[in-house]
Amino acid sequence: MSELEKWQPLSTEEVKSLFKTSDKSFWISGGWAIDLFLGKQTRIHDDIDISIARDDQGYFQDLLNGWDLRVSDPPGSGVLRPWLNQEFLEKPVYNIWSRKAVDGAWNLEIMLCDFENGEWVYRRNKNIRGPAKEFGWINSDGLKIISPEIQLLYKSRGSREKDSQDLQNCLNEFTQNQKDRLRNLILADSGPTHPWVQLI
């Protein structure tokens, strides 16, 4: 097992507790965002992600003082380097791995998201954006969670079985408006030949 595969993810409650003093927004993301929308755990989650605004990264770095924080740089390369104190991570860097101990398992992944003029901006296509207030929702426990349509947009470029499973589970619960929104997002990003377009 490689170092990148060693995970002991926090629970959603532990994430909430970790950032309980935060006055900056964070959103549960990834597979857990889908299951929180569904109201039940539908599969095993090997990790846990949160999304934060890029401009808030220094605040969260301070909150995680004492943790081992690593940056995936270049993005998607599998290469992690230390996140230096007070270093501002510019685009296209977006992914921070964090763990409580240098030699321990990874506990939390942090995604940097960009917001401009009151809108969220899709990392992979800056022409895809929408009102910031529609980026996420809040569940009955007070947790902010990325909107399932936006999370599925990010998942749509993958070919993993778990992403297709997440799509189908959501389609069983989506309103027509949510289906239309997701379909339009995928059309704007990948075009009409994307296999998910015919499923929505």
C-alpha atoms as a PDB file:
ATOM      1  CA  MET A   1       0.000   0.000   0.000  1.00  0.00           C
ATOM      2  CA  SER A   2       1.382   3.418  -0.989  1.00  0.00           C
ATOM      3  CA  GLU A   3       1.426   6.385   1.364  1.00  0.00           C
ATOM      4  CA  LEU A   4      -1.420   7.984  -0.578  1.00  0.00           C
ATOM      5  CA  GLU A   5      -3.625   4.967   0.099  1.00  0.00           C
ATOM      6  CA  LYS A   6      -3.239   5.064   3.880  1.00  0.00           C
ATOM      7  CA  TRP A   7      -6.425   6.669   5.120  1.00  0.00           C
ATOM      8  CA  GLN A   8      -8.180   6.947   8.452  1.00  0.00           C
ATOM      9  CA  PRO A   9     -10.844   9.458   7.484  1.00  0.00           C
ATOM     10  CA  LEU A  10     -12.603  11.637  10.002  1.00  0.00           C
ATOM     11  CA  SER A  11     -16.330  11.145  10.348  1.00  0.00           C
ATOM     12  CA  THR A  12     -18.631  13.965   9.301  1.00  0.00           C
ATOM     13  CA  GLU A  13     -19.261  14.670  12.994  1.00  0.00           C
ATOM     14  CA  GLU A  14     -15.519  14.859  13.639  1.00  0.00           C
ATOM     15  CA  VAL A  15     -15.153  17.331  10.773  1.00  0.00           C
ATOM     16  CA  LYS A  16     -17.944  19.439  12.245  1.00  0.00           C
ATOM     17  CA  SER A  17     -16.261  19.359  15.656  1.00  0.00           C
ATOM     18  CA  LEU A  18     -12.820  20.135  14.215  1.00  0.00           C
ATOM     19  CA  PHE A  19     -14.072  23.347  12.665  1.00  0.00           C
ATOM     20  CA  LYS A  20     -16.707  24.251  15.252  1.00  0.00           C
ATOM     21  CA  THR A  21     -15.034  27.597  15.952  1.00  0.00           C
ATOM     22  CA  SER A  22     -14.821  28.514  12.257  1.00  0.00           C
ATOM     23  CA  ASP A  23     -16.575  31.620  11.045  1.00  0.00           C
ATOM     24  CA  LYS A  24     -15.635  30.737   7.463  1.00  0.00           C
ATOM     25  CA  SER A  25     -17.722  28.370   5.366  1.00  0.00           C
ATOM     26  CA  PHE A  26     -16.740  24.812   4.523  1.00  0.00           C
ATOM     27  CA  TRP A  27     -18.795  22.244   2.672  1.00  0.00           C
ATOM     28  CA  ILE A  28     -18.698  18.459   2.987  1.00  0.00           C
ATOM     29  CA  SER A  29     -17.812  17.195  -0.502  1.00  0.00           C
ATOM     30  CA  GLY A  30     -17.127  13.994  -2.419  1.00  0.00           C
ATOM     31  CA  GLY A  31     -19.007  10.780  -1.786  1.00  0.00           C
ATOM     32  CA  TRP A  32     -20.135  11.864   1.664  1.00  0.00           C
ATOM     33  CA  ALA A  33     -21.901  14.873   0.117  1.00  0.00           C
ATOM     34  CA  ILE A  34     -23.980  12.465  -1.945  1.00  0.00           C
ATOM     35  CA  ASP A  35     -24.851  10.218   0.998  1.00  0.00           C
ATOM     36  CA  LEU A  36     -25.763  13.185   3.200  1.00  0.00           C
ATOM     37  CA  PHE A  37     -28.123  14.335   0.462  1.00  0.00           C
ATOM     38  CA  LEU A  38     -29.609  10.833   0.296  1.00  0.00           C
ATOM     39  CA  GLY A  39     -29.928  10.711   4.088  1.00  0.00           C
ATOM     40  CA  LYS A  40     -28.143   7.375   4.402  1.00  0.00           C
ATOM     41  CA  GLN A  41     -24.771   5.754   3.789  1.00  0.00           C
ATOM     42  CA  THR A  42     -24.940   3.833   0.533  1.00  0.00           C
ATOM     43  CA  ARG A  43     -21.326   2.662   0.265  1.00  0.00           C
ATOM     44  CA  ILE A  44     -17.934   2.609   1.960  1.00  0.00           C
ATOM     45  CA  HIS A  45     -16.008   5.874   1.847  1.00  0.00           C
ATOM     46  CA  ASP A  46     -12.233   5.564   1.820  1.00  0.00           C
ATOM     47  CA  ASP A  47     -11.689   9.272   2.498  1.00  0.00           C
ATOM     48  CA  ILE A  48     -13.527  12.482   3.333  1.00  0.00           C
ATOM     49  CA  ASP A  49     -13.348  15.834   1.548  1.00  0.00           C
ATOM     50  CA  ILE A  50     -14.328  19.378   2.335  1.00  0.00           C
ATOM     51  CA  SER A  51     -14.440  22.351  -0.005  1.00  0.00           C
ATOM     52  CA  ILE A  52     -13.439  25.849   1.062  1.00  0.00           C
ATOM     53  CA  ALA A  53     -13.102  29.176  -0.726  1.00  0.00           C
ATOM     54  CA  ARG A  54      -9.592  29.723  -2.047  1.00  0.00           C
ATOM     55  CA  ASP A  55      -9.508  33.113  -0.356  1.00  0.00           C
ATOM     56  CA  ASP A  56     -10.111  31.444   3.042  1.00  0.00           C
ATOM     57  CA  GLN A  57      -7.192  29.003   2.827  1.00  0.00           C
ATOM     58  CA  GLY A  58      -4.977  30.907   5.279  1.00  0.00           C
ATOM     59  CA  TYR A  59      -7.730  30.851   7.894  1.00  0.00           C
ATOM     60  CA  PHE A  60      -8.071  27.075   7.641  1.00  0.00           C
ATOM     61  CA  GLN A  61      -4.301  26.605   7.647  1.00  0.00           C
ATOM     62  CA  ASP A  62      -4.253  28.396  11.001  1.00  0.00           C
ATOM     63  CA  LEU A  63      -7.102  26.220  12.316  1.00  0.00           C
ATOM     64  CA  LEU A  64      -5.085  23.121  11.426  1.00  0.00           C
ATOM     65  CA  ASN A  65      -1.928  24.372  13.108  1.00  0.00           C
ATOM     66  CA  GLY A  66       0.141  21.345  14.146  1.00  0.00           C
ATOM     67  CA  TRP A  67      -1.255  19.088  11.415  1.00  0.00           C
ATOM     68  CA  ASP A  68       0.840  17.773   8.543  1.00  0.00           C
ATOM     69  CA  LEU A  69      -0.506  19.652   5.499  1.00  0.00           C
ATOM     70  CA  ARG A  70       0.581  18.653   2.007  1.00  0.00           C
ATOM     71  CA  VAL A  71      -0.255  20.098  -1.390  1.00  0.00           C
ATOM     72  CA  SER A  72      -0.842  18.058  -4.531  1.00  0.00           C
ATOM     73  CA  ASP A  73       1.468  19.957  -6.847  1.00  0.00           C
ATOM     74  CA  PRO A  74       1.344  19.713  -9.809  1.00  0.00           C
ATOM     75  CA  PRO A  75      -2.385  18.921  -9.509  1.00  0.00           C
ATOM     76  CA  GLY A  76      -3.244  15.280 -10.089  1.00  0.00           C
ATOM     77  CA  SER A  77       0.393  14.227 -10.245  1.00  0.00           C
ATOM     78  CA  GLY A  78       0.363  12.128  -7.082  1.00  0.00           C
ATOM     79  CA  VAL A  79       3.232  14.276  -5.806  1.00  0.00           C
ATOM     80  CA  LEU A  80       2.697  15.885  -2.410  1.00  0.00           C
ATOM     81  CA  ARG A  81       4.834  18.708  -1.064  1.00  0.00           C
ATOM     82  CA  PRO A  82       4.621  20.576   2.255  1.00  0.00           C
ATOM     83  CA  TRP A  83       2.195  23.484   2.437  1.00  0.00           C
ATOM     84  CA  LEU A  84       4.421  26.241   3.756  1.00  0.00           C
ATOM     85  CA  ASN A  85       3.204  28.493   6.539  1.00  0.00           C
ATOM     86  CA  GLN A  86       1.317  31.502   5.147  1.00  0.00           C
ATOM     87  CA  GLU A  87       1.820  30.269   1.578  1.00  0.00           C
ATOM     88  CA  PHE A  88      -1.109  31.277  -0.639  1.00  0.00           C
ATOM     89  CA  LEU A  89      -1.946  28.536  -3.116  1.00  0.00           C
ATOM     90  CA  GLU A  90      -2.756  29.998  -6.511  1.00  0.00           C
ATOM     91  CA  LYS A  91      -4.658  28.319  -9.346  1.00  0.00           C
ATOM     92  CA  PRO A  92      -4.386  25.666 -10.693  1.00  0.00           C
ATOM     93  CA  VAL A  93      -3.380  24.107  -7.338  1.00  0.00           C
ATOM     94  CA  TYR A  94      -6.518  23.084  -5.469  1.00  0.00           C
ATOM     95  CA  ASN A  95      -5.928  19.949  -3.376  1.00  0.00           C
ATOM     96  CA  ILE A  96      -4.564  19.780   0.201  1.00  0.00           C
ATOM     97  CA  TRP A  97      -4.012  16.520   2.060  1.00  0.00           C
ATOM     98  CA  SER A  98      -4.017  16.676   5.840  1.00  0.00           C
ATOM     99  CA  ARG A  99      -3.240  14.358   8.740  1.00  0.00           C
ATOM    100  CA  LYS A 100      -2.706  14.761  12.453  1.00  0.00           C
ATOM    101  CA  ALA A 101       0.751  13.169  12.441  1.00  0.00           C
ATOM    102  CA  VAL A 102       3.538  13.160   9.858  1.00  0.00           C
ATOM    103  CA  ASP A 103       3.835   9.381   9.904  1.00  0.00           C
ATOM    104  CA  GLY A 104       0.100   8.736  10.300  1.00  0.00           C
ATOM    105  CA  ALA A 105      -2.736   7.975   7.922  1.00  0.00           C
ATOM    106  CA  TRP A 106      -4.460  10.764   6.037  1.00  0.00           C
ATOM    107  CA  ASN A 107      -7.523  12.163   7.791  1.00  0.00           C
ATOM    108  CA  LEU A 108      -8.992  14.885   5.576  1.00  0.00           C
ATOM    109  CA  GLU A 109      -8.730  16.228   2.044  1.00  0.00           C
ATOM    110  CA  ILE A 110      -9.366  19.931   1.408  1.00  0.00           C
ATOM    111  CA  MET A 111     -10.464  21.271  -1.975  1.00  0.00           C
ATOM    112  CA  LEU A 112      -9.955  24.929  -2.854  1.00  0.00           C
ATOM    113  CA  CYS A 113     -12.903  26.402  -4.730  1.00  0.00           C
ATOM    114  CA  ASP A 114     -13.058  29.707  -6.526  1.00  0.00           C
ATOM    115  CA  PHE A 115     -15.771  32.311  -6.152  1.00  0.00           C
ATOM    116  CA  GLU A 116     -16.033  35.470  -8.249  1.00  0.00           C
ATOM    117  CA  ASN A 117     -18.559  38.300  -8.025  1.00  0.00           C
ATOM    118  CA  GLY A 118     -21.010  36.286  -5.939  1.00  0.00           C
ATOM    119  CA  GLU A 119     -20.721  33.169  -8.108  1.00  0.00           C
ATOM    120  CA  TRP A 120     -19.067  29.773  -7.719  1.00  0.00           C
ATOM    121  CA  VAL A 121     -16.746  28.942 -10.607  1.00  0.00           C
ATOM    122  CA  TYR A 122     -16.214  25.407 -11.893  1.00  0.00           C
ATOM    123  CA  ARG A 123     -12.510  24.616 -11.687  1.00  0.00           C
ATOM    124  CA  ARG A 124     -12.364  22.754 -14.988  1.00  0.00           C
ATOM    125  CA  ASN A 125     -14.296  25.264 -17.072  1.00  0.00           C
ATOM    126  CA  LYS A 126     -14.510  28.845 -15.837  1.00  0.00           C
ATOM    127  CA  ASN A 127     -17.470  29.498 -18.143  1.00  0.00           C
ATOM    128  CA  ILE A 128     -19.544  27.193 -15.943  1.00  0.00           C
ATOM    129  CA  ARG A 129     -20.633  29.059 -12.834  1.00  0.00           C
ATOM    130  CA  GLY A 130     -23.674  29.919 -10.775  1.00  0.00           C
ATOM    131  CA  PRO A 131     -24.932  31.876  -7.772  1.00  0.00           C
ATOM    132  CA  ALA A 132     -22.768  31.262  -4.695  1.00  0.00           C
ATOM    133  CA  LYS A 133     -25.910  30.671  -2.628  1.00  0.00           C
ATOM    134  CA  GLU A 134     -26.622  27.587  -4.784  1.00  0.00           C
ATOM    135  CA  PHE A 135     -23.180  26.043  -4.205  1.00  0.00           C
ATOM    136  CA  GLY A 136     -24.382  24.089  -1.175  1.00  0.00           C
ATOM    137  CA  TRP A 137     -27.136  23.412   1.316  1.00  0.00           C
ATOM    138  CA  ILE A 138     -27.396  22.911   5.089  1.00  0.00           C
ATOM    139  CA  ASN A 139     -28.712  19.704   6.668  1.00  0.00           C
ATOM    140  CA  SER A 140     -30.617  19.337   9.922  1.00  0.00           C
ATOM    141  CA  ASP A 141     -27.347  18.971  11.864  1.00  0.00           C
ATOM    142  CA  GLY A 142     -26.126  22.338  10.627  1.00  0.00           C
ATOM    143  CA  LEU A 143     -23.529  20.910   8.242  1.00  0.00           C
ATOM    144  CA  LYS A 144     -22.948  22.716   4.965  1.00  0.00           C
ATOM    145  CA  ILE A 145     -22.798  20.276   2.054  1.00  0.00           C
ATOM    146  CA  ILE A 146     -21.949  20.849  -1.593  1.00  0.00           C
ATOM    147  CA  SER A 147     -25.017  20.634  -3.821  1.00  0.00           C
ATOM    148  CA  PRO A 148     -25.363  17.128  -5.273  1.00  0.00           C
ATOM    149  CA  GLU A 149     -25.687  18.470  -8.825  1.00  0.00           C
ATOM    150  CA  ILE A 150     -22.350  20.298  -8.532  1.00  0.00           C
ATOM    151  CA  GLN A 151     -20.674  17.310  -6.894  1.00  0.00           C
ATOM    152  CA  LEU A 152     -21.918  15.042  -9.689  1.00  0.00           C
ATOM    153  CA  LEU A 153     -20.594  17.527 -12.252  1.00  0.00           C
ATOM    154  CA  TYR A 154     -17.129  17.021 -10.741  1.00  0.00           C
ATOM    155  CA  LYS A 155     -17.637  13.254 -10.704  1.00  0.00           C
ATOM    156  CA  SER A 156     -18.860  13.172 -14.310  1.00  0.00           C
ATOM    157  CA  ARG A 157     -15.365  13.290 -15.804  1.00  0.00           C
ATOM    158  CA  GLY A 158     -14.385  10.079 -14.065  1.00  0.00           C
ATOM    159  CA  SER A 159     -15.199   6.542 -15.125  1.00  0.00           C
ATOM    160  CA  ARG A 160     -15.371   4.988 -11.683  1.00  0.00           C
ATOM    161  CA  GLU A 161     -18.138   2.612 -10.743  1.00  0.00           C
ATOM    162  CA  LYS A 162     -18.787   4.471  -7.497  1.00  0.00           C
ATOM    163  CA  ASP A 163     -19.467   7.695  -9.418  1.00  0.00           C
ATOM    164  CA  SER A 164     -22.041   5.968 -11.620  1.00  0.00           C
ATOM    165  CA  GLN A 165     -23.583   4.499  -8.479  1.00  0.00           C
ATOM    166  CA  ASP A 166     -23.763   7.952  -6.894  1.00  0.00           C
ATOM    167  CA  LEU A 167     -25.439   9.304 -10.039  1.00  0.00           C
ATOM    168  CA  GLN A 168     -28.092   6.607 -10.093  1.00  0.00           C
ATOM    169  CA  ASN A 169     -28.823   6.965  -6.380  1.00  0.00           C
ATOM    170  CA  CYS A 170     -29.296  10.714  -6.814  1.00  0.00           C
ATOM    171  CA  LEU A 171     -31.476  10.386  -9.901  1.00  0.00           C
ATOM    172  CA  ASN A 172     -33.834   8.230  -7.862  1.00  0.00           C
ATOM    173  CA  GLU A 173     -34.293  11.181  -5.463  1.00  0.00           C
ATOM    174  CA  PHE A 174     -33.838  14.260  -7.660  1.00  0.00           C
ATOM    175  CA  THR A 175     -36.658  16.585  -8.590  1.00  0.00           C
ATOM    176  CA  GLN A 176     -37.065  17.367 -12.272  1.00  0.00           C
ATOM    177  CA  ASN A 177     -35.430  20.743 -11.678  1.00  0.00           C
ATOM    178  CA  GLN A 178     -32.364  19.039 -10.201  1.00  0.00           C
ATOM    179  CA  LYS A 179     -32.167  16.627 -13.129  1.00  0.00           C
ATOM    180  CA  ASP A 180     -32.414  19.516 -15.582  1.00  0.00           C
ATOM    181  CA  ARG A 181     -29.728  21.442 -13.747  1.00  0.00           C
ATOM    182  CA  LEU A 182     -27.327  18.479 -13.717  1.00  0.00           C
ATOM    183  CA  ARG A 183     -27.989  17.686 -17.364  1.00  0.00           C
ATOM    184  CA  ASN A 184     -27.314  21.295 -18.387  1.00  0.00           C
ATOM    185  CA  LEU A 185     -24.086  21.377 -16.352  1.00  0.00           C
ATOM    186  CA  ILE A 186     -22.783  18.195 -17.973  1.00  0.00           C
ATOM    187  CA  LEU A 187     -23.816  19.371 -21.439  1.00  0.00           C
ATOM    188  CA  ALA A 188     -21.915  22.624 -20.880  1.00  0.00           C
ATOM    189  CA  ASP A 189     -18.839  20.764 -19.662  1.00  0.00           C
ATOM    190  CA  SER A 190     -18.670  17.610 -21.779  1.00  0.00           C
ATOM    191  CA  GLY A 191     -21.245  17.960 -24.540  1.00  0.00           C
ATOM    192  CA  PRO A 192     -24.138  15.727 -25.676  1.00  0.00           C
ATOM    193  CA  THR A 193     -21.988  12.612 -26.147  1.00  0.00           C
ATOM    194  CA  HIS A 194     -21.309  12.193 -22.432  1.00  0.00           C
ATOM    195  CA  PRO A 195     -22.894   8.865 -21.403  1.00  0.00           C
ATOM    196  CA  TRP A 196     -24.619  10.401 -18.396  1.00  0.00           C
ATOM    197  CA  VAL A 197     -26.635  12.802 -20.550  1.00  0.00           C
ATOM    198  CA  GLN A 198     -28.841   9.971 -21.816  1.00  0.00           C
ATOM    199  CA  LEU A 199     -29.401   8.691 -18.276  1.00  0.00           C
ATOM    200  CA  ILE A 200     -30.671  11.934 -16.795  1.00  0.00           C
END
